[in-house]
Amino acid sequence: MSDARRPRDRGDDSVPDAAPDGRDETENERADRNWNEILQELRVLQTGTQILTGFLLALAFQPAFADLDADQRTFYLVLIVLAALSAIVALAPVALHRLLFRAKAKSAVVAYGHAALVTSLVTVAALLVGVVSFVFDVVVAADAAVTAAVVLGALLVVLWIGIPLILRARRRSAS
């Protein structure tokens, strides 16, 4: 076996995994790396969510808030719930990690973190589209709000789902 392909001596009984990505890491090392990647992604997501939540919470204390009709107030409250839900779901992996710290459950934490991150992306997508739609409804009109929501929703689908799936397919066909 060449030196490049020989498992490095880790000083323990770990066995390098056989993943075809060319990395020489154990399952535990892969779980640690994946967990760190999830945490970085959650940090980015959480920052954006916090900014949107702050914006939404500040709206209720503006004088113009009294001018909203019943439907706009209901939509506003839905957006507040989405903001809270996205924050709760995004923080759930951290809470799980704290509860399972040193319980040798990193792979379960990573799987849970991945699911929570995907769920958070869905709630944040709805929140982004909703906030812009809400602002268009209040500032322009309901028709403009629907147009903005459709355009942003389509853009989200293309950028967050379409392009990644195309790139994944190209990568698979190249290998």
Protein backbone atom coordinates (compact mmCIF):
# COMPACT_ATOMS: atom_id res chain seq x y z
CA MET A 1 0.00 0.00 0.00
CA SER A 2 1.41 3.43 -0.91
CA ASP A 3 2.06 5.95 1.84
CA ALA A 4 -0.72 8.17 0.47
CA ARG A 5 -3.28 5.36 0.83
CA ARG A 6 -1.97 3.90 4.10
CA PRO A 7 -4.11 4.74 7.13
CA ARG A 8 -2.24 7.07 9.42
CA ASP A 9 -1.42 5.89 12.92
CA ARG A 10 -3.92 7.51 15.25
CA GLY A 11 -2.67 5.83 18.38
CA ASP A 12 -6.03 4.18 18.99
CA ASP A 13 -8.10 1.31 17.64
CA SER A 14 -10.01 3.45 15.12
CA VAL A 15 -10.30 2.23 11.58
CA PRO A 16 -10.37 4.61 8.63
CA ASP A 17 -13.73 4.57 6.90
CA ALA A 18 -14.15 3.44 3.35
CA ALA A 19 -15.99 6.53 2.08
CA PRO A 20 -15.15 7.24 -1.53
CA ASP A 21 -14.37 10.92 -0.95
CA GLY A 22 -10.64 10.31 -0.55
CA ARG A 23 -10.49 11.45 3.05
CA ASP A 24 -8.44 9.48 5.52
CA GLU A 25 -10.63 9.84 8.58
CA THR A 26 -12.38 7.59 11.03
CA GLU A 27 -16.13 7.62 11.48
CA ASN A 28 -15.64 9.72 14.62
CA GLU A 29 -13.41 12.19 12.77
CA ARG A 30 -15.99 12.42 9.97
CA ALA A 31 -18.76 13.02 12.52
CA ASP A 32 -16.68 15.75 14.19
CA ARG A 33 -16.01 17.42 10.82
CA ASN A 34 -19.66 17.16 9.80
CA TRP A 35 -20.77 18.59 13.15
CA ASN A 36 -18.42 21.56 12.72
CA GLU A 37 -19.79 22.16 9.22
CA ILE A 38 -23.36 22.04 10.53
CA LEU A 39 -22.48 24.52 13.29
CA GLN A 40 -20.99 26.95 10.77
CA GLU A 41 -24.11 26.72 8.61
CA LEU A 42 -26.36 27.18 11.65
CA ARG A 43 -24.41 30.31 12.63
CA VAL A 44 -25.03 31.87 9.23
CA LEU A 45 -28.69 30.89 9.30
CA GLN A 46 -29.19 32.09 12.86
CA THR A 47 -27.72 35.53 12.14
CA GLY A 48 -30.12 36.14 9.29
CA THR A 49 -33.03 34.84 11.31
CA GLN A 50 -32.16 37.09 14.24
CA ILE A 51 -32.09 40.15 11.98
CA LEU A 52 -35.48 39.29 10.48
CA THR A 53 -36.94 38.56 13.90
CA GLY A 54 -35.69 41.87 15.25
CA PHE A 55 -37.20 43.67 12.29
CA LEU A 56 -40.54 41.94 12.82
CA LEU A 57 -40.62 42.59 16.55
CA ALA A 58 -39.83 46.27 16.04
CA LEU A 59 -42.76 46.66 13.64
CA ALA A 60 -45.37 46.11 16.34
CA PHE A 61 -44.11 49.19 18.17
CA GLN A 62 -44.27 51.55 15.18
CA PRO A 63 -47.14 54.04 14.96
CA ALA A 64 -48.12 52.79 11.48
CA PHE A 65 -48.76 49.31 12.89
CA ALA A 66 -52.18 50.52 14.06
CA ASP A 67 -53.12 51.08 10.40
CA LEU A 68 -52.82 47.38 9.51
CA ASP A 69 -56.04 45.58 8.71
CA ALA A 70 -57.03 42.29 10.38
CA ASP A 71 -55.56 40.14 7.61
CA GLN A 72 -52.23 41.98 7.74
CA ARG A 73 -52.09 41.59 11.52
CA THR A 74 -52.79 37.86 11.19
CA PHE A 75 -50.09 37.52 8.54
CA TYR A 76 -47.71 39.47 10.80
CA LEU A 77 -48.39 37.05 13.67
CA VAL A 78 -47.78 34.08 11.34
CA LEU A 79 -44.42 35.63 10.45
CA ILE A 80 -43.57 36.07 14.14
CA VAL A 81 -44.36 32.39 14.76
CA LEU A 82 -42.22 31.38 11.75
CA ALA A 83 -39.35 33.49 13.09
CA ALA A 84 -39.61 31.88 16.51
CA LEU A 85 -39.96 28.42 15.00
CA SER A 86 -36.89 28.87 12.81
CA ALA A 87 -34.83 29.99 15.81
CA ILE A 88 -36.09 27.11 17.96
CA VAL A 89 -35.37 24.51 15.29
CA ALA A 90 -31.96 26.02 14.47
CA LEU A 91 -30.96 25.90 18.15
CA ALA A 92 -32.29 22.38 18.73
CA PRO A 93 -29.06 20.63 17.60
CA VAL A 94 -27.07 22.70 20.08
CA ALA A 95 -29.43 21.72 22.90
CA LEU A 96 -29.23 18.07 21.85
CA HIS A 97 -25.44 18.26 21.75
CA ARG A 98 -25.40 19.67 25.30
CA LEU A 99 -27.65 16.89 26.56
CA LEU A 100 -25.66 14.17 24.81
CA PHE A 101 -22.23 15.68 25.47
CA ARG A 102 -19.69 12.92 26.10
CA ALA A 103 -22.35 10.25 25.55
CA LYS A 104 -20.56 8.96 22.43
CA ALA A 105 -23.56 9.86 20.28
CA LYS A 106 -21.93 12.25 17.81
CA SER A 107 -23.30 10.48 14.73
CA ALA A 108 -26.84 10.81 16.12
CA VAL A 109 -26.20 14.48 16.92
CA VAL A 110 -24.94 15.05 13.36
CA ALA A 111 -27.98 13.32 11.83
CA TYR A 112 -30.32 15.35 14.06
CA GLY A 113 -28.39 18.53 13.26
CA HIS A 114 -28.70 17.87 9.55
CA ALA A 115 -32.47 17.34 9.81
CA ALA A 116 -32.87 20.46 11.96
CA LEU A 117 -30.77 22.52 9.56
CA VAL A 118 -32.87 21.45 6.56
CA THR A 119 -36.05 22.16 8.53
CA SER A 120 -34.67 25.57 9.52
CA LEU A 121 -33.88 26.36 5.90
CA VAL A 122 -37.48 25.61 4.96
CA THR A 123 -38.86 27.82 7.75
CA VAL A 124 -36.40 30.61 6.94
CA ALA A 125 -37.34 30.39 3.25
CA ALA A 126 -41.00 30.80 4.18
CA LEU A 127 -40.06 33.62 6.55
CA LEU A 128 -38.02 35.48 3.92
CA VAL A 129 -40.73 35.23 1.31
CA GLY A 130 -43.36 36.13 3.90
CA VAL A 131 -41.56 39.20 5.23
CA VAL A 132 -40.99 40.62 1.75
CA SER A 133 -44.58 39.82 0.81
CA PHE A 134 -45.81 41.51 3.99
CA VAL A 135 -43.80 44.66 3.28
CA PHE A 136 -45.04 44.77 -0.32
CA ASP A 137 -48.61 44.34 0.93
CA VAL A 138 -48.30 47.20 3.42
CA VAL A 139 -46.29 49.56 1.19
CA VAL A 140 -47.76 48.85 -2.27
CA ALA A 141 -50.73 46.47 -2.51
CA ALA A 142 -51.80 42.84 -2.17
CA ASP A 143 -51.16 42.14 -5.88
CA ALA A 144 -47.58 43.35 -5.55
CA ALA A 145 -47.18 41.16 -2.46
CA VAL A 146 -48.27 38.07 -4.38
CA THR A 147 -45.92 38.91 -7.26
CA ALA A 148 -42.99 39.44 -4.88
CA ALA A 149 -43.75 36.16 -3.09
CA VAL A 150 -43.93 34.18 -6.34
CA VAL A 151 -40.71 35.70 -7.72
CA LEU A 152 -38.79 35.19 -4.47
CA GLY A 153 -40.20 31.69 -4.01
CA ALA A 154 -39.08 30.75 -7.52
CA LEU A 155 -35.65 32.26 -6.92
CA LEU A 156 -35.31 30.29 -3.68
CA VAL A 157 -36.26 27.06 -5.42
CA VAL A 158 -33.74 27.67 -8.20
CA LEU A 159 -30.85 28.77 -5.96
CA TRP A 160 -31.43 26.50 -2.95
CA ILE A 161 -32.69 23.37 -4.69
CA GLY A 162 -32.34 23.49 -8.48
CA ILE A 163 -28.71 24.50 -8.84
CA PRO A 164 -27.46 22.23 -6.03
CA LEU A 165 -29.28 19.27 -7.59
CA ILE A 166 -27.79 20.06 -11.01
CA LEU A 167 -24.30 20.33 -9.53
CA ARG A 168 -24.79 17.06 -7.64
CA ALA A 169 -25.94 15.31 -10.81
CA ARG A 170 -22.95 16.66 -12.77
CA ARG A 171 -20.57 15.53 -10.03
CA ARG A 172 -22.07 12.03 -10.01
CA SER A 173 -21.93 11.73 -13.79
CA ALA A 174 -18.30 12.89 -13.82
CA SER A 175 -17.22 10.21 -11.34
